[in-house]
């Protein structure tokens, strides 16, 4: 386990290419925008299903 941690640390410090701060900020903006849009789509679908199920049970109640 100790050897694995040492090798992992060595890999991260010597072989991983880290983005510069401006690239990281641009990518963060893309992730935030996508997350907001995705959450709005999920909210819209949830609201639509809630409305449809409510109408279904209201219709069944009248029968």
PDB file of N, CA and C in Angstrom:
ATOM      1  N   UNK A   1       0.827  -1.195   0.000  1.00  0.00           N
ATOM      2  CA  UNK A   1       0.000   0.000   0.000  1.00  0.00           C
ATOM      3  C   UNK A   1       0.872   1.260   0.000  1.00  0.00           C
ATOM      4  N   UNK A   2       1.933   1.229   0.797  1.00  0.00           N
ATOM      5  CA  UNK A   2       2.829   2.389   0.860  1.00  0.00           C
ATOM      6  C   UNK A   2       3.500   2.620  -0.490  1.00  0.00           C
ATOM      7  N   UNK A   3       3.884   1.554  -1.151  1.00  0.00           N
ATOM      8  CA  UNK A   3       4.502   1.670  -2.477  1.00  0.00           C
ATOM      9  C   UNK A   3       3.508   2.272  -3.469  1.00  0.00           C
ATOM     10  N   UNK A   4       2.259   1.871  -3.373  1.00  0.00           N
ATOM     11  CA  UNK A   4       1.224   2.405  -4.266  1.00  0.00           C
ATOM     12  C   UNK A   4       1.074   3.915  -4.063  1.00  0.00           C
ATOM     13  N   UNK A   5       1.040   4.358  -2.825  1.00  0.00           N
ATOM     14  CA  UNK A   5       0.902   5.789  -2.532  1.00  0.00           C
ATOM     15  C   UNK A   5       2.117   6.552  -3.055  1.00  0.00           C
ATOM     16  N   UNK A   6       3.304   6.017  -2.857  1.00  0.00           N
ATOM     17  CA  UNK A   6       4.517   6.667  -3.356  1.00  0.00           C
ATOM     18  C   UNK A   6       4.501   6.787  -4.877  1.00  0.00           C
ATOM     19  N   UNK A   7       4.111   5.710  -5.556  1.00  0.00           N
ATOM     20  CA  UNK A   7       4.049   5.736  -7.016  1.00  0.00           C
ATOM     21  C   UNK A   7       2.962   6.684  -7.514  1.00  0.00           C
ATOM     22  N   UNK A   8       1.853   6.727  -6.829  1.00  0.00           N
ATOM     23  CA  UNK A   8       0.774   7.644  -7.215  1.00  0.00           C
ATOM     24  C   UNK A   8       1.221   9.095  -7.076  1.00  0.00           C
ATOM     25  N   UNK A   9       1.889   9.409  -5.973  1.00  0.00           N
ATOM     26  CA  UNK A   9       2.390  10.761  -5.752  1.00  0.00           C
ATOM     27  C   UNK A   9       3.411  11.132  -6.824  1.00  0.00           C
ATOM     28  N   UNK A  10       4.297  10.213  -7.135  1.00  0.00           N
ATOM     29  CA  UNK A  10       5.307  10.458  -8.161  1.00  0.00           C
ATOM     30  C   UNK A  10       4.645  10.699  -9.517  1.00  0.00           C
ATOM     31  N   UNK A  11       3.630   9.936  -9.813  1.00  0.00           N
ATOM     32  CA  UNK A  11       2.896  10.099 -11.076  1.00  0.00           C
ATOM     33  C   UNK A  11       2.241  11.481 -11.143  1.00  0.00           C
ATOM     34  N   UNK A  12       1.600  11.887 -10.061  1.00  0.00           N
ATOM     35  CA  UNK A  12       0.925  13.186 -10.035  1.00  0.00           C
ATOM     36  C   UNK A  12       1.897  14.355 -10.144  1.00  0.00           C
ATOM     37  N   UNK A  13       3.045  14.244  -9.505  1.00  0.00           N
ATOM     38  CA  UNK A  13       3.979  15.370  -9.496  1.00  0.00           C
ATOM     39  C   UNK A  13       4.843  15.447 -10.749  1.00  0.00           C
ATOM     40  N   UNK A  14       5.099  14.327 -11.402  1.00  0.00           N
ATOM     41  CA  UNK A  14       6.050  14.337 -12.520  1.00  0.00           C
ATOM     42  C   UNK A  14       5.439  14.064 -13.889  1.00  0.00           C
ATOM     43  N   UNK A  15       4.282  13.431 -13.958  1.00  0.00           N
ATOM     44  CA  UNK A  15       3.773  13.003 -15.263  1.00  0.00           C
ATOM     45  C   UNK A  15       2.409  13.588 -15.630  1.00  0.00           C
ATOM     46  N   UNK A  16       1.773  14.262 -14.712  1.00  0.00           N
ATOM     47  CA  UNK A  16       0.458  14.845 -14.999  1.00  0.00           C
ATOM     48  C   UNK A  16       0.650  16.278 -15.461  1.00  0.00           C
ATOM     49  N   UNK A  17      -0.034  16.648 -16.547  1.00  0.00           N
ATOM     50  CA  UNK A  17       0.009  18.022 -17.041  1.00  0.00           C
ATOM     51  C   UNK A  17      -1.174  18.775 -16.463  1.00  0.00           C
ATOM     52  N   UNK A  18      -0.892  19.735 -15.623  1.00  0.00           N
ATOM     53  CA  UNK A  18      -1.947  20.508 -14.985  1.00  0.00           C
ATOM     54  C   UNK A  18      -2.263  21.725 -15.844  1.00  0.00           C
ATOM     55  N   UNK A  19      -3.546  22.099 -15.984  1.00  0.00           N
ATOM     56  CA  UNK A  19      -3.890  23.290 -16.777  1.00  0.00           C
ATOM     57  C   UNK A  19      -3.469  24.563 -16.044  1.00  0.00           C
ATOM     58  N   UNK A  20      -3.223  25.615 -16.839  1.00  0.00           N
ATOM     59  CA  UNK A  20      -2.921  26.888 -16.183  1.00  0.00           C
ATOM     60  C   UNK A  20      -4.229  27.496 -15.660  1.00  0.00           C
ATOM     61  N   UNK A  21      -4.123  28.548 -14.897  1.00  0.00           N
ATOM     62  CA  UNK A  21      -5.286  29.094 -14.193  1.00  0.00           C
ATOM     63  C   UNK A  21      -6.357  29.611 -15.162  1.00  0.00           C
ATOM     64  N   UNK A  22      -5.977  30.207 -16.267  1.00  0.00           N
ATOM     65  CA  UNK A  22      -6.981  30.743 -17.195  1.00  0.00           C
ATOM     66  C   UNK A  22      -7.759  29.607 -17.874  1.00  0.00           C
ATOM     67  N   UNK A  23      -7.070  28.527 -18.231  1.00  0.00           N
ATOM     68  CA  UNK A  23      -7.768  27.376 -18.816  1.00  0.00           C
ATOM     69  C   UNK A  23      -8.701  26.736 -17.799  1.00  0.00           C
ATOM     70  N   UNK A  24      -8.249  26.629 -16.568  1.00  0.00           N
ATOM     71  CA  UNK A  24      -9.083  26.040 -15.517  1.00  0.00           C
ATOM     72  C   UNK A  24     -10.334  26.883 -15.284  1.00  0.00           C
ATOM     73  N   UNK A  25     -10.196  28.211 -15.310  1.00  0.00           N
ATOM     74  CA  UNK A  25     -11.354  29.090 -15.119  1.00  0.00           C
ATOM     75  C   UNK A  25     -12.348  28.949 -16.271  1.00  0.00           C
ATOM     76  N   UNK A  26     -11.850  28.860 -17.498  1.00  0.00           N
ATOM     77  CA  UNK A  26     -12.734  28.689 -18.653  1.00  0.00           C
ATOM     78  C   UNK A  26     -13.504  27.378 -18.560  1.00  0.00           C
ATOM     79  N   UNK A  27     -12.808  26.320 -18.182  1.00  0.00           N
ATOM     80  CA  UNK A  27     -13.461  25.021 -18.048  1.00  0.00           C
ATOM     81  C   UNK A  27     -14.473  25.030 -16.905  1.00  0.00           C
ATOM     82  N   UNK A  28     -14.171  25.768 -15.834  1.00  0.00           N
ATOM     83  CA  UNK A  28     -15.093  25.863 -14.716  1.00  0.00           C
ATOM     84  C   UNK A  28     -16.388  26.560 -15.148  1.00  0.00           C
ATOM     85  N   UNK A  29     -16.271  27.608 -15.961  1.00  0.00           N
ATOM     86  CA  UNK A  29     -17.457  28.311 -16.452  1.00  0.00           C
ATOM     87  C   UNK A  29     -18.316  27.371 -17.286  1.00  0.00           C
ATOM     88  N   UNK A  30     -17.697  26.569 -18.132  1.00  0.00           N
ATOM     89  CA  UNK A  30     -18.434  25.609 -18.957  1.00  0.00           C
ATOM     90  C   UNK A  30     -19.173  24.614 -18.060  1.00  0.00           C
ATOM     91  N   UNK A  31     -18.512  24.117 -17.032  1.00  0.00           N
ATOM     92  CA  UNK A  31     -19.138  23.151 -16.130  1.00  0.00           C
ATOM     93  C   UNK A  31     -20.300  23.784 -15.378  1.00  0.00           C
ATOM     94  N   UNK A  32     -20.135  25.019 -14.910  1.00  0.00           N
ATOM     95  CA  UNK A  32     -21.204  25.700 -14.168  1.00  0.00           C
ATOM     96  C   UNK A  32     -22.406  25.938 -15.074  1.00  0.00           C
ATOM     97  N   UNK A  33     -22.175  26.418 -16.290  1.00  0.00           N
ATOM     98  CA  UNK A  33     -23.282  26.678 -17.222  1.00  0.00           C
ATOM     99  C   UNK A  33     -24.004  25.379 -17.558  1.00  0.00           C
ATOM    100  N   UNK A  34     -23.262  24.319 -17.864  1.00  0.00           N
ATOM    101  CA  UNK A  34     -23.879  23.034 -18.171  1.00  0.00           C
ATOM    102  C   UNK A  34     -24.676  22.518 -16.981  1.00  0.00           C
ATOM    103  N   UNK A  35     -24.146  22.668 -15.774  1.00  0.00           N
ATOM    104  CA  UNK A  35     -24.842  22.196 -14.578  1.00  0.00           C
ATOM    105  C   UNK A  35     -26.149  22.942 -14.370  1.00  0.00           C
ATOM    106  N   UNK A  36     -26.134  24.253 -14.583  1.00  0.00           N
ATOM    107  CA  UNK A  36     -27.361  25.044 -14.434  1.00  0.00           C
ATOM    108  C   UNK A  36     -28.382  24.632 -15.479  1.00  0.00           C
ATOM    109  N   UNK A  37     -27.963  24.498 -16.727  1.00  0.00           N
ATOM    110  CA  UNK A  37     -28.894  24.093 -17.785  1.00  0.00           C
ATOM    111  C   UNK A  37     -29.458  22.701 -17.520  1.00  0.00           C
ATOM    112  N   UNK A  38     -28.605  21.776 -17.110  1.00  0.00           N
ATOM    113  CA  UNK A  38     -29.049  20.419 -16.828  1.00  0.00           C
ATOM    114  C   UNK A  38     -30.042  20.400 -15.671  1.00  0.00           C
ATOM    115  N   UNK A  39     -29.785  21.183 -14.629  1.00  0.00           N
ATOM    116  CA  UNK A  39     -30.713  21.227 -13.494  1.00  0.00           C
ATOM    117  C   UNK A  39     -32.048  21.838 -13.898  1.00  0.00           C
ATOM    118  N   UNK A  40     -32.038  22.818 -14.793  1.00  0.00           N
ATOM    119  CA  UNK A  40     -33.301  23.399 -15.278  1.00  0.00           C
ATOM    120  C   UNK A  40     -34.100  22.377 -16.091  1.00  0.00           C
ATOM    121  N   UNK A  41     -33.420  21.578 -16.887  1.00  0.00           N
ATOM    122  CA  UNK A  41     -34.110  20.536 -17.662  1.00  0.00           C
ATOM    123  C   UNK A  41     -34.729  19.509 -16.721  1.00  0.00           C
ATOM    124  N   UNK A  42     -33.983  19.069 -15.718  1.00  0.00           N
ATOM    125  CA  UNK A  42     -34.507  18.105 -14.748  1.00  0.00           C
ATOM    126  C   UNK A  42     -35.687  18.698 -13.991  1.00  0.00           C
ATOM    127  N   UNK A  43     -35.581  19.961 -13.587  1.00  0.00           N
ATOM    128  CA  UNK A  43     -36.687  20.629 -12.885  1.00  0.00           C
ATOM    129  C   UNK A  43     -37.925  20.690 -13.778  1.00  0.00           C
ATOM    130  N   UNK A  44     -37.739  21.018 -15.054  1.00  0.00           N
ATOM    131  CA  UNK A  44     -38.864  21.082 -15.984  1.00  0.00           C
ATOM    132  C   UNK A  44     -39.532  19.733 -16.171  1.00  0.00           C
ATOM    133  N   UNK A  45     -38.738  18.687 -16.303  1.00  0.00           N
ATOM    134  CA  UNK A  45     -39.306  17.351 -16.450  1.00  0.00           C
ATOM    135  C   UNK A  45     -40.053  16.933 -15.189  1.00  0.00           C
ATOM    136  N   UNK A  46     -39.478  17.225 -14.028  1.00  0.00           N
ATOM    137  CA  UNK A  46     -40.114  16.878 -12.763  1.00  0.00           C
ATOM    138  C   UNK A  46     -41.446  17.619 -12.605  1.00  0.00           C
ATOM    139  N   UNK A  47     -41.458  18.896 -12.947  1.00  0.00           N
ATOM    140  CA  UNK A  47     -42.695  19.678 -12.846  1.00  0.00           C
ATOM    141  C   UNK A  47     -43.759  19.155 -13.810  1.00  0.00           C
ATOM    142  N   UNK A  48     -43.341  18.788 -15.011  1.00  0.00           N
ATOM    143  CA  UNK A  48     -44.286  18.255 -15.993  1.00  0.00           C
ATOM    144  C   UNK A  48     -44.894  16.941 -15.518  1.00  0.00           C
ATOM    145  N   UNK A  49     -44.064  16.038 -15.012  1.00  0.00           N
ATOM    146  CA  UNK A  49     -44.578  14.761 -14.507  1.00  0.00           C
ATOM    147  C   UNK A  49     -45.495  14.970 -13.312  1.00  0.00           C
ATOM    148  N   UNK A  50     -45.132  15.907 -12.437  1.00  0.00           N
ATOM    149  CA  UNK A  50     -45.977  16.199 -11.276  1.00  0.00           C
ATOM    150  C   UNK A  50     -47.352  16.689 -11.736  1.00  0.00           C
ATOM    151  N   UNK A  51     -47.372  17.574 -12.725  1.00  0.00           N
ATOM    152  CA  UNK A  51     -48.620  18.097 -13.258  1.00  0.00           C
ATOM    153  C   UNK A  51     -49.454  16.979 -13.897  1.00  0.00           C
ATOM    154  N   UNK A  52     -48.811  16.161 -14.722  1.00  0.00           N
ATOM    155  CA  UNK A  52     -49.536  15.087 -15.415  1.00  0.00           C
ATOM    156  C   UNK A  52     -50.087  14.049 -14.432  1.00  0.00           C
ATOM    157  N   UNK A  53     -49.311  13.682 -13.448  1.00  0.00           N
ATOM    158  CA  UNK A  53     -49.791  12.707 -12.459  1.00  0.00           C
ATOM    159  C   UNK A  53     -50.921  13.304 -11.636  1.00  0.00           C
ATOM    160  N   UNK A  54     -50.813  14.579 -11.300  1.00  0.00           N
ATOM    161  CA  UNK A  54     -51.903  15.249 -10.584  1.00  0.00           C
ATOM    162  C   UNK A  54     -53.187  15.256 -11.394  1.00  0.00           C
ATOM    163  N   UNK A  55     -53.079  15.558 -12.680  1.00  0.00           N
ATOM    164  CA  UNK A  55     -54.266  15.554 -13.555  1.00  0.00           C
ATOM    165  C   UNK A  55     -54.836  14.143 -13.692  1.00  0.00           C
ATOM    166  N   UNK A  56     -53.962  13.132 -13.767  1.00  0.00           N
ATOM    167  CA  UNK A  56     -54.424  11.749 -13.879  1.00  0.00           C
ATOM    168  C   UNK A  56     -55.242  11.356 -12.654  1.00  0.00           C
ATOM    169  N   UNK A  57     -54.723  11.634 -11.463  1.00  0.00           N
ATOM    170  CA  UNK A  57     -55.447  11.258 -10.249  1.00  0.00           C
ATOM    171  C   UNK A  57     -56.710  12.093 -10.070  1.00  0.00           C
ATOM    172  N   UNK A  58     -56.675  13.336 -10.512  1.00  0.00           N
ATOM    173  CA  UNK A  58     -57.881  14.163 -10.470  1.00  0.00           C
ATOM    174  C   UNK A  58     -58.949  13.582 -11.399  1.00  0.00           C
ATOM    175  N   UNK A  59     -58.530  13.131 -12.575  1.00  0.00           N
ATOM    176  CA  UNK A  59     -59.446  12.512 -13.535  1.00  0.00           C
ATOM    177  C   UNK A  59     -60.022  11.204 -12.978  1.00  0.00           C
ATOM    178  N   UNK A  60     -59.173  10.392 -12.360  1.00  0.00           N
ATOM    179  CA  UNK A  60     -59.625   9.123 -11.794  1.00  0.00           C
ATOM    180  C   UNK A  60     -60.563   9.332 -10.624  1.00  0.00           C
ATOM    181  N   UNK A  61     -60.403  10.412  -9.896  1.00  0.00           N
ATOM    182  CA  UNK A  61     -61.246  10.728  -8.759  1.00  0.00           C
ATOM    183  C   UNK A  61     -62.674  11.056  -9.221  1.00  0.00           C
ATOM    184  N   UNK A  62     -62.790  11.668 -10.410  1.00  0.00           N
ATOM    185  CA  UNK A  62     -64.077  12.068 -10.927  1.00  0.00           C
ATOM    186  C   UNK A  62     -64.876  10.883 -11.459  1.00  0.00           C
ATOM    187  N   UNK A  63     -64.222   9.799 -11.791  1.00  0.00           N
ATOM    188  CA  UNK A  63     -64.912   8.634 -12.344  1.00  0.00           C
ATOM    189  C   UNK A  63     -65.710   7.913 -11.307  1.00  0.00           C
TER     190      UNK A  63
END
